[in-house]
Amino acid sequence: MEYEEKTGRAHRPLSPKQNVRKNLDFEPLSTTALILEDRPANLPAKPAEEAQKHRQQYEEMVVQAKKRELKEAQRRKKQLEERCKLEDSIGNAVLTWNNEILPNWETMCCSRKVRELWWQGIPPSVRGKVWSLAIGNELNITHELYDICLARAKEKWRSLSTGGAEVECEDAGFSAADREASLELIKLDISRTFPNLCIFQQGGPYHDTLHSILGAYTCYRPDVGYVQGMSFIAAVLILNLDTADAFIAFSNLLNKPCQMAFFRVDHGLMLTYFAAFEVFFEENLPKLFAHFKKNNLTPDIYLIDWIFTLYSKSLPLDLACRVWDVFCRDGEEFLFRTALGILKLFEDILTKMDFIHIAQFLTKLPEDLPSEEFFTSIAAIQMQSRNKKWAQILAALQKDNREMEKGSPSLKH
């Protein structure tokens, strides 16, 4: 056979290694080999018809392989073009933010142009500056105050680790056991903060920074202390700001009404937020709202985790940062609008699920959320009900709640 003459396989004596496999003296090298190779000498030759058929099969395989290669090359080219376009867009946005917006923050931050740019996502290189300006510093915290709070926290840690006496501090009303439990919880939570990134775990570059900010905050606000979920918020800020500035933003962010209500576990106020959320839920997604009601699925089941971590635990990090961008622009309202955007995006799936599956799904959202589709879904949510905006609905519910607590006769009907 011509093939055998070329390869010299037919008459070459078997080596000891080859002899082990003497029962299989023909070893096809691939699927292609099975089609193209002539049969071994000890078997009848292929009929011409079969050989022709195999040749056609091979040619079809080559054509398909070329098509796949062409398709893959086109995909890679499109990907590269999109990446270049995105990089150009980010580069232009960085120039706009640095040269036009940030130097004229007070006059430009509320303009239509800036609000539109904000919605598209703040470039990572200027994100920290924009967040700091948008969050503000109503508490007037200085870098020096951060250093003082951190020094106190370190003193506490030393005292507790050596089993020392009560530390004289503003939180003298809190027992050593309470403080130790809080510090232990910080330690435990740090190791569970963005575990896939490995930068906040023991030995990671940001472990001590995260520990310092959370410890300093427990000294700054002993009345709030450390609450689970805080580590994710601090971690996102650390990724975008210097340590002291991250602490300033963190403290001011947690001082906002919504965050304070949740982190201080003010049940009455939390229920008011849930009630306001449900007004807009029913307005925007009546079918899904009815399905949730039928299954007794209350907002606290999924909203608490989203609000506590500002979506940083529930969404992919890059998407969570885009949510933070607009949250810094629009305030607490956007947190609830985002929640409705998630529900809208998965409405078709959720309406087919029962209580358990809905709760499981919303607790662990899909990791491959497409950002544009996600923000299109949020954009479709209307935060207005019967000509009343979020703040008006919330204020009215808070007023009703206060009057009910006082036992107002006007509400007893």
Protein backbone atom coordinates (compact mmCIF):
# COMPACT_ATOMS: atom_id res chain seq x y z
CA MET A 1 0.00 0.00 0.00
CA GLU A 2 1.19 3.47 -0.87
CA TYR A 3 0.46 4.85 2.62
CA GLU A 4 2.29 1.95 4.25
CA GLU A 5 5.29 2.31 1.93
CA LYS A 6 5.58 5.99 2.87
CA THR A 7 5.33 5.40 6.58
CA GLY A 8 7.16 2.13 6.58
CA ARG A 9 4.67 0.62 9.00
CA ALA A 10 3.74 -2.54 7.06
CA HIS A 11 7.06 -4.44 7.04
CA ARG A 12 9.03 -2.87 9.89
CA PRO A 13 9.66 -5.43 12.68
CA LEU A 14 7.81 -4.73 15.92
CA SER A 15 9.80 -3.35 18.83
CA PRO A 16 9.27 -4.93 22.29
CA LYS A 17 7.08 -1.92 23.24
CA GLN A 18 4.96 -2.29 20.10
CA ASN A 19 4.74 -6.05 20.63
CA VAL A 20 2.76 -5.46 23.83
CA ARG A 21 -0.03 -4.17 21.61
CA LYS A 22 0.34 -6.85 18.91
CA ASN A 23 -3.41 -7.44 18.92
CA LEU A 24 -3.88 -3.85 17.70
CA ASP A 25 -1.26 -3.32 15.00
CA PHE A 26 -3.34 -0.44 13.52
CA GLU A 27 -3.69 2.56 15.80
CA PRO A 28 -5.63 5.46 14.24
CA LEU A 29 -4.07 8.81 15.09
CA SER A 30 -7.38 10.73 15.00
CA THR A 31 -10.93 10.78 13.66
CA THR A 32 -9.48 12.05 10.38
CA ALA A 33 -7.12 9.07 10.30
CA LEU A 34 -10.05 6.67 10.67
CA ILE A 35 -11.59 8.17 7.53
CA LEU A 36 -8.48 8.64 5.40
CA GLU A 37 -6.19 5.74 6.25
CA ASP A 38 -6.36 2.55 4.20
CA ARG A 39 -7.13 -0.57 6.12
CA PRO A 40 -4.29 -2.69 7.60
CA ALA A 41 -2.73 -5.34 5.40
CA ASN A 42 -4.51 -8.20 7.19
CA LEU A 43 -7.95 -6.77 6.27
CA PRO A 44 -9.63 -6.44 2.84
CA ALA A 45 -9.05 -3.06 1.11
CA LYS A 46 -11.80 -0.43 1.23
CA PRO A 47 -14.30 -0.62 -1.62
CA ALA A 48 -13.98 2.39 -3.99
CA GLU A 49 -17.46 3.59 -2.97
CA GLU A 50 -16.55 3.61 0.72
CA ALA A 51 -13.23 5.35 0.02
CA GLN A 52 -15.08 8.03 -1.98
CA LYS A 53 -17.64 8.45 0.82
CA HIS A 54 -14.84 8.87 3.39
CA ARG A 55 -13.10 11.40 1.14
CA GLN A 56 -16.35 13.44 0.98
CA GLN A 57 -16.75 13.22 4.76
CA TYR A 58 -13.21 14.51 5.19
CA GLU A 59 -13.80 17.40 2.79
CA GLU A 60 -16.99 18.31 4.68
CA MET A 61 -15.04 18.28 7.95
CA VAL A 62 -12.44 20.64 6.44
CA VAL A 63 -15.19 23.00 5.22
CA GLN A 64 -16.86 23.00 8.67
CA ALA A 65 -13.52 23.56 10.40
CA LYS A 66 -12.81 26.54 8.12
CA LYS A 67 -16.27 27.96 8.84
CA ARG A 68 -15.67 27.62 12.59
CA GLU A 69 -12.26 29.29 12.25
CA LEU A 70 -13.77 32.15 10.24
CA LYS A 71 -16.61 32.57 12.75
CA GLU A 72 -14.13 32.56 15.67
CA ALA A 73 -11.90 35.11 13.89
CA GLN A 74 -14.92 37.36 13.28
CA ARG A 75 -15.95 37.01 16.95
CA ARG A 76 -12.44 37.93 18.12
CA LYS A 77 -12.34 40.89 15.73
CA LYS A 78 -15.72 42.14 16.98
CA GLN A 79 -14.59 41.67 20.59
CA LEU A 80 -11.41 43.65 19.91
CA GLU A 81 -13.36 46.44 18.17
CA GLU A 82 -15.81 46.64 21.10
CA ARG A 83 -12.93 46.72 23.60
CA CYS A 84 -11.18 49.50 21.65
CA LYS A 85 -14.46 51.42 21.43
CA LEU A 86 -15.02 50.99 25.18
CA GLU A 87 -11.45 52.08 25.99
CA ASP A 88 -11.85 55.19 23.79
CA SER A 89 -15.17 55.94 25.47
CA ILE A 90 -13.65 55.54 28.96
CA GLY A 91 -10.64 57.66 27.94
CA ASN A 92 -12.89 60.46 26.71
CA ALA A 93 -15.07 60.21 29.82
CA VAL A 94 -11.99 60.45 32.08
CA LEU A 95 -10.94 63.66 30.33
CA THR A 96 -14.45 65.10 30.68
CA TRP A 97 -14.64 64.23 34.39
CA ASN A 98 -11.13 65.48 35.18
CA ASN A 99 -11.07 68.62 33.04
CA GLU A 100 -14.68 69.80 33.05
CA ILE A 101 -16.77 68.27 35.84
CA LEU A 102 -14.54 67.81 38.92
CA PRO A 103 -13.01 71.33 38.83
CA ASN A 104 -16.55 72.78 38.60
CA TRP A 105 -18.34 70.23 40.77
CA GLU A 106 -20.83 72.49 42.55
CA THR A 107 -22.15 74.06 39.35
CA MET A 108 -22.01 70.99 37.11
CA CYS A 109 -22.93 67.98 39.28
CA CYS A 110 -26.68 68.40 38.72
CA SER A 111 -26.55 69.25 35.02
CA ARG A 112 -28.25 66.98 32.51
CA LYS A 113 -24.98 66.19 30.73
CA VAL A 114 -23.30 65.05 33.96
CA ARG A 115 -26.33 63.02 35.06
CA GLU A 116 -26.29 61.17 31.72
CA LEU A 117 -22.55 60.51 31.98
CA TRP A 118 -23.11 59.32 35.55
CA TRP A 119 -25.71 56.80 34.39
CA GLN A 120 -23.25 55.29 31.88
CA GLY A 121 -20.85 54.47 34.71
CA ILE A 122 -18.03 56.52 36.23
CA PRO A 123 -14.54 55.59 34.92
CA PRO A 124 -12.66 53.64 37.64
CA SER A 125 -9.80 56.18 37.75
CA VAL A 126 -12.13 59.00 38.90
CA ARG A 127 -14.78 56.91 40.65
CA GLY A 128 -13.39 57.45 44.16
CA LYS A 129 -13.27 61.24 43.76
CA VAL A 130 -16.84 61.38 42.46
CA TRP A 131 -18.16 59.11 45.21
CA SER A 132 -16.44 61.22 47.89
CA LEU A 133 -17.94 64.43 46.54
CA ALA A 134 -21.40 62.91 46.06
CA ILE A 135 -21.53 61.25 49.50
CA GLY A 136 -20.19 64.40 51.11
CA ASN A 137 -18.83 64.87 54.62
CA GLU A 138 -21.69 66.23 56.71
CA LEU A 139 -20.04 64.68 59.78
CA ASN A 140 -16.90 66.82 59.21
CA ILE A 141 -14.60 63.86 59.81
CA THR A 142 -10.91 64.65 59.35
CA HIS A 143 -7.93 62.38 58.67
CA GLU A 144 -6.79 63.18 62.22
CA LEU A 145 -10.08 61.90 63.66
CA TYR A 146 -9.61 58.66 61.75
CA ASP A 147 -6.11 58.29 63.26
CA ILE A 148 -7.52 58.87 66.76
CA CYS A 149 -10.32 56.30 66.28
CA LEU A 150 -7.86 53.77 64.85
CA ALA A 151 -5.47 54.27 67.78
CA ARG A 152 -8.35 53.64 70.20
CA ALA A 153 -9.37 50.52 68.28
CA LYS A 154 -5.81 49.17 68.40
CA GLU A 155 -5.66 49.86 72.13
CA LYS A 156 -8.87 47.89 72.59
CA TRP A 157 -7.55 44.99 70.54
CA ARG A 158 -4.38 44.88 72.63
CA SER A 159 -6.36 45.05 75.86
CA LEU A 160 -8.77 42.31 74.84
CA SER A 161 -6.02 40.05 73.50
CA THR A 162 -4.12 40.32 76.80
CA GLY A 163 -7.29 40.00 78.88
CA GLY A 164 -6.84 43.53 80.26
CA ALA A 165 -9.29 45.57 82.27
CA GLU A 166 -12.03 47.76 80.84
CA VAL A 167 -10.72 50.31 78.39
CA GLU A 168 -11.64 53.88 79.18
CA CYS A 169 -13.49 55.11 76.13
CA GLU A 170 -16.75 56.73 75.10
CA ASP A 171 -18.31 53.30 74.95
CA ALA A 172 -17.65 52.56 78.60
CA GLY A 173 -21.32 51.60 78.84
CA PHE A 174 -20.63 48.58 76.64
CA SER A 175 -19.15 45.52 78.30
CA ALA A 176 -15.82 44.01 77.30
CA ALA A 177 -17.72 40.89 76.21
CA ASP A 178 -19.87 42.96 73.83
CA ARG A 179 -16.84 44.68 72.37
CA GLU A 180 -14.93 41.42 72.07
CA ALA A 181 -17.87 39.78 70.29
CA SER A 182 -18.01 42.73 67.89
CA LEU A 183 -14.27 42.55 67.19
CA GLU A 184 -14.45 38.77 66.70
CA LEU A 185 -17.30 39.28 64.22
CA ILE A 186 -15.16 41.77 62.29
CA LYS A 187 -12.33 39.22 62.11
CA LEU A 188 -14.69 36.52 60.87
CA ASP A 189 -16.42 38.78 58.34
CA ILE A 190 -13.18 40.08 56.83
CA SER A 191 -12.26 36.55 55.75
CA ARG A 192 -15.68 36.22 54.07
CA THR A 193 -15.46 39.52 52.18
CA PHE A 194 -15.03 38.97 48.44
CA PRO A 195 -13.30 35.61 49.04
CA ASN A 196 -12.71 35.14 45.28
CA LEU A 197 -10.50 38.24 45.15
CA CYS A 198 -8.26 36.95 47.99
CA ILE A 199 -7.11 40.52 48.74
CA PHE A 200 -9.06 40.97 51.97
CA GLN A 201 -8.19 37.60 53.51
CA GLN A 202 -5.41 37.07 56.06
CA GLY A 203 -2.10 37.89 54.37
CA GLY A 204 -3.83 39.78 51.54
CA PRO A 205 -2.81 43.38 50.72
CA TYR A 206 -6.06 44.94 51.97
CA HIS A 207 -6.75 42.74 55.00
CA ASP A 208 -5.27 45.14 57.57
CA THR A 209 -6.81 48.21 55.88
CA LEU A 210 -10.30 46.69 56.05
CA HIS A 211 -9.71 45.62 59.66
CA SER A 212 -8.55 49.13 60.56
CA ILE A 213 -11.54 50.93 59.01
CA LEU A 214 -14.10 48.61 60.63
CA GLY A 215 -12.33 48.77 64.00
CA ALA A 216 -12.07 52.56 63.84
CA TYR A 217 -15.78 52.81 63.03
CA THR A 218 -16.76 50.76 66.11
CA CYS A 219 -14.86 53.36 68.17
CA TYR A 220 -16.36 56.28 66.26
CA ARG A 221 -19.92 54.95 66.54
CA PRO A 222 -20.08 52.55 69.52
CA ASP A 223 -23.88 53.05 69.52
CA VAL A 224 -23.99 51.33 66.12
CA GLY A 225 -20.97 49.05 66.51
CA TYR A 226 -20.15 46.50 63.84
CA VAL A 227 -23.00 44.90 61.90
CA GLN A 228 -22.64 42.14 59.33
CA GLY A 229 -22.65 43.55 55.83
CA MET A 230 -20.53 46.57 56.73
CA SER A 231 -17.34 44.80 55.62
CA PHE A 232 -18.55 44.66 52.00
CA ILE A 233 -19.32 48.40 51.94
CA ALA A 234 -15.94 49.27 53.46
CA ALA A 235 -14.18 46.90 51.02
CA VAL A 236 -15.72 48.57 47.94
CA LEU A 237 -14.65 51.98 49.26
CA ILE A 238 -11.11 50.72 49.96
CA LEU A 239 -10.83 49.57 46.34
CA ASN A 240 -11.61 53.10 45.15
CA LEU A 241 -10.22 55.46 47.82
CA ASP A 242 -7.24 56.00 50.12
CA THR A 243 -7.71 54.58 53.62
CA ALA A 244 -8.63 57.77 55.53
CA ASP A 245 -10.91 58.98 52.70
CA ALA A 246 -12.55 55.54 52.58
CA PHE A 247 -13.26 55.85 56.33
CA ILE A 248 -14.76 59.33 55.86
CA ALA A 249 -17.01 58.12 53.00
CA PHE A 250 -17.91 54.96 54.96
CA SER A 251 -18.96 56.85 58.09
CA ASN A 252 -21.00 59.41 56.14
CA LEU A 253 -22.62 56.74 53.98
CA LEU A 254 -23.72 54.74 57.02
CA ASN A 255 -25.11 57.94 58.53
CA LYS A 256 -27.68 58.29 55.72
CA PRO A 257 -31.29 57.68 56.92
CA CYS A 258 -31.80 54.38 55.06
CA GLN A 259 -28.47 52.85 56.11
CA MET A 260 -28.90 54.02 59.71
CA ALA A 261 -32.40 52.48 59.84
CA PHE A 262 -31.07 49.12 58.66
CA PHE A 263 -27.77 49.01 60.54
CA ARG A 264 -29.40 50.06 63.80
CA VAL A 265 -32.18 47.54 63.08
CA ASP A 266 -34.97 50.07 63.53
CA HIS A 267 -37.82 47.65 62.81
CA GLY A 268 -40.52 50.31 62.50
CA LEU A 269 -38.51 52.33 59.98
CA MET A 270 -37.41 49.22 58.08
CA LEU A 271 -41.06 48.19 57.69
CA THR A 272 -41.85 51.68 56.37
CA TYR A 273 -39.14 51.30 53.73
CA PHE A 274 -40.54 47.88 52.77
CA ALA A 275 -44.07 49.35 52.55
CA ALA A 276 -42.84 52.17 50.29
CA PHE A 277 -41.01 49.61 48.14
CA GLU A 278 -44.21 47.57 47.76
CA VAL A 279 -46.13 50.63 46.51
CA PHE A 280 -43.72 50.90 43.57
CA PHE A 281 -43.49 47.12 43.19
CA GLU A 282 -47.27 46.89 42.62
CA GLU A 283 -47.19 49.94 40.35
CA ASN A 284 -44.41 48.61 38.09
CA LEU A 285 -44.86 44.83 38.22
CA PRO A 286 -48.49 44.06 39.18
CA LYS A 287 -48.41 40.45 37.95
CA LEU A 288 -45.23 39.55 39.85
CA PHE A 289 -46.42 41.52 42.89
CA ALA A 290 -49.62 39.40 43.00
CA HIS A 291 -47.53 36.21 42.62
CA PHE A 292 -45.28 37.23 45.54
CA LYS A 293 -48.34 38.05 47.67
CA LYS A 294 -49.91 34.70 46.83
CA ASN A 295 -46.72 32.93 47.92
CA ASN A 296 -46.35 35.10 51.07
CA LEU A 297 -42.96 36.33 49.87
CA THR A 298 -42.28 39.54 51.78
CA PRO A 299 -39.59 42.12 50.77
CA ASP A 300 -37.44 41.51 53.85
CA ILE A 301 -36.56 38.02 52.54
CA TYR A 302 -34.47 39.43 49.69
CA LEU A 303 -34.17 43.21 50.30
CA ILE A 304 -32.31 43.12 53.61
CA ASP A 305 -29.19 41.50 52.15
CA TRP A 306 -29.25 43.80 49.10
CA ILE A 307 -29.59 46.97 51.20
CA PHE A 308 -27.12 45.92 53.92
CA THR A 309 -24.30 45.41 51.42
CA LEU A 310 -25.50 47.94 48.80
CA TYR A 311 -25.59 45.04 46.29
CA SER A 312 -21.82 44.51 46.55
CA LYS A 313 -22.32 40.92 47.77
CA SER A 314 -25.25 40.08 45.47
CA LEU A 315 -24.01 41.43 42.12
CA PRO A 316 -20.73 41.02 40.21
CA LEU A 317 -18.32 43.67 41.55
CA ASP A 318 -18.14 45.76 38.35
CA LEU A 319 -21.94 45.84 38.16
CA ALA A 320 -22.24 46.65 41.87
CA CYS A 321 -19.89 49.63 41.35
CA ARG A 322 -22.15 50.92 38.56
CA VAL A 323 -25.11 50.64 40.95
CA TRP A 324 -23.07 52.59 43.51
CA ASP A 325 -22.36 55.25 40.87
CA VAL A 326 -26.06 56.03 40.39
CA PHE A 327 -26.84 55.47 44.09
CA CYS A 328 -24.36 58.28 44.85
CA ARG A 329 -26.26 60.40 42.31
CA ASP A 330 -29.87 59.57 43.27
CA GLY A 331 -29.64 58.46 46.91
CA GLU A 332 -31.58 55.68 48.66
CA GLU A 333 -34.37 55.71 46.06
CA PHE A 334 -31.99 54.08 43.57
CA LEU A 335 -31.39 51.11 45.90
CA PHE A 336 -35.09 50.24 45.70
CA ARG A 337 -35.27 51.05 42.00
CA THR A 338 -32.39 48.60 41.45
CA ALA A 339 -34.31 45.94 43.38
CA LEU A 340 -37.32 46.45 41.09
CA GLY A 341 -34.98 46.35 38.08
CA ILE A 342 -33.74 42.91 39.19
CA LEU A 343 -37.31 41.67 39.67
CA LYS A 344 -38.31 43.03 36.25
CA LEU A 345 -35.31 41.43 34.55
CA PHE A 346 -36.26 38.00 35.91
CA GLU A 347 -40.04 38.47 36.01
CA ASP A 348 -40.81 35.62 33.59
CA ILE A 349 -38.67 33.15 35.56
CA LEU A 350 -39.91 34.28 38.99
CA THR A 351 -43.62 34.02 38.12
CA LYS A 352 -43.12 30.29 37.51
CA MET A 353 -41.40 29.66 40.86
CA ASP A 354 -42.74 28.83 44.30
CA PHE A 355 -41.71 30.48 47.60
CA ILE A 356 -38.58 28.38 48.21
CA HIS A 357 -37.21 28.70 44.68
CA ILE A 358 -37.88 32.46 44.51
CA ALA A 359 -36.09 32.98 47.86
CA GLN A 360 -33.13 30.85 46.72
CA PHE A 361 -32.91 32.58 43.34
CA LEU A 362 -33.00 36.13 44.77
CA THR A 363 -30.52 35.23 47.51
CA LYS A 364 -28.01 34.04 44.90
CA LEU A 365 -28.47 35.92 41.63
CA PRO A 366 -26.90 34.66 38.38
CA GLU A 367 -23.23 35.64 38.09
CA ASP A 368 -23.35 36.44 34.37
CA LEU A 369 -25.74 39.40 34.49
CA PRO A 370 -25.37 41.46 31.29
CA SER A 371 -24.78 45.06 32.45
CA GLU A 372 -26.60 46.87 29.63
CA GLU A 373 -29.65 44.63 29.87
CA PHE A 374 -29.60 45.07 33.64
CA PHE A 375 -29.50 48.88 33.46
CA THR A 376 -32.14 48.92 30.71
CA SER A 377 -34.39 47.01 33.11
CA ILE A 378 -33.71 49.52 35.92
CA ALA A 379 -34.34 52.44 33.52
CA ALA A 380 -37.79 51.02 32.71
CA ILE A 381 -38.84 51.28 36.40
CA GLN A 382 -41.00 54.33 37.15
CA MET A 383 -40.43 55.77 40.61
CA GLN A 384 -43.70 57.65 40.69
CA SER A 385 -47.05 56.43 41.99
CA ARG A 386 -50.22 58.51 41.58
CA ASN A 387 -48.10 61.59 40.91
CA LYS A 388 -46.12 61.01 44.12
CA LYS A 389 -42.40 60.37 44.13
CA TRP A 390 -40.43 57.99 46.36
CA ALA A 391 -39.60 60.63 49.00
CA GLN A 392 -43.27 61.72 49.25
CA ILE A 393 -44.58 58.15 49.58
CA LEU A 394 -41.95 57.34 52.21
CA ALA A 395 -42.66 60.54 54.18
CA ALA A 396 -46.43 59.86 54.14
CA LEU A 397 -45.90 56.28 55.39
CA GLN A 398 -43.53 57.51 58.12
CA LYS A 399 -46.11 60.05 59.22
CA ASP A 400 -48.84 57.37 59.30
CA ASN A 401 -46.50 55.12 61.28
CA ARG A 402 -45.78 57.85 63.86
CA GLU A 403 -49.48 58.64 64.25
CA MET A 404 -50.31 54.96 64.68
CA GLU A 405 -47.63 54.67 67.37
CA LYS A 406 -49.23 57.63 69.15
CA GLY A 407 -52.61 55.97 68.78
CA SER A 408 -54.10 58.78 66.68
CA PRO A 409 -57.93 58.45 66.47
CA SER A 410 -57.86 59.71 62.86
CA LEU A 411 -56.20 56.45 61.77
CA LYS A 412 -58.49 54.13 63.74
CA HIS A 413 -61.01 53.21 61.12
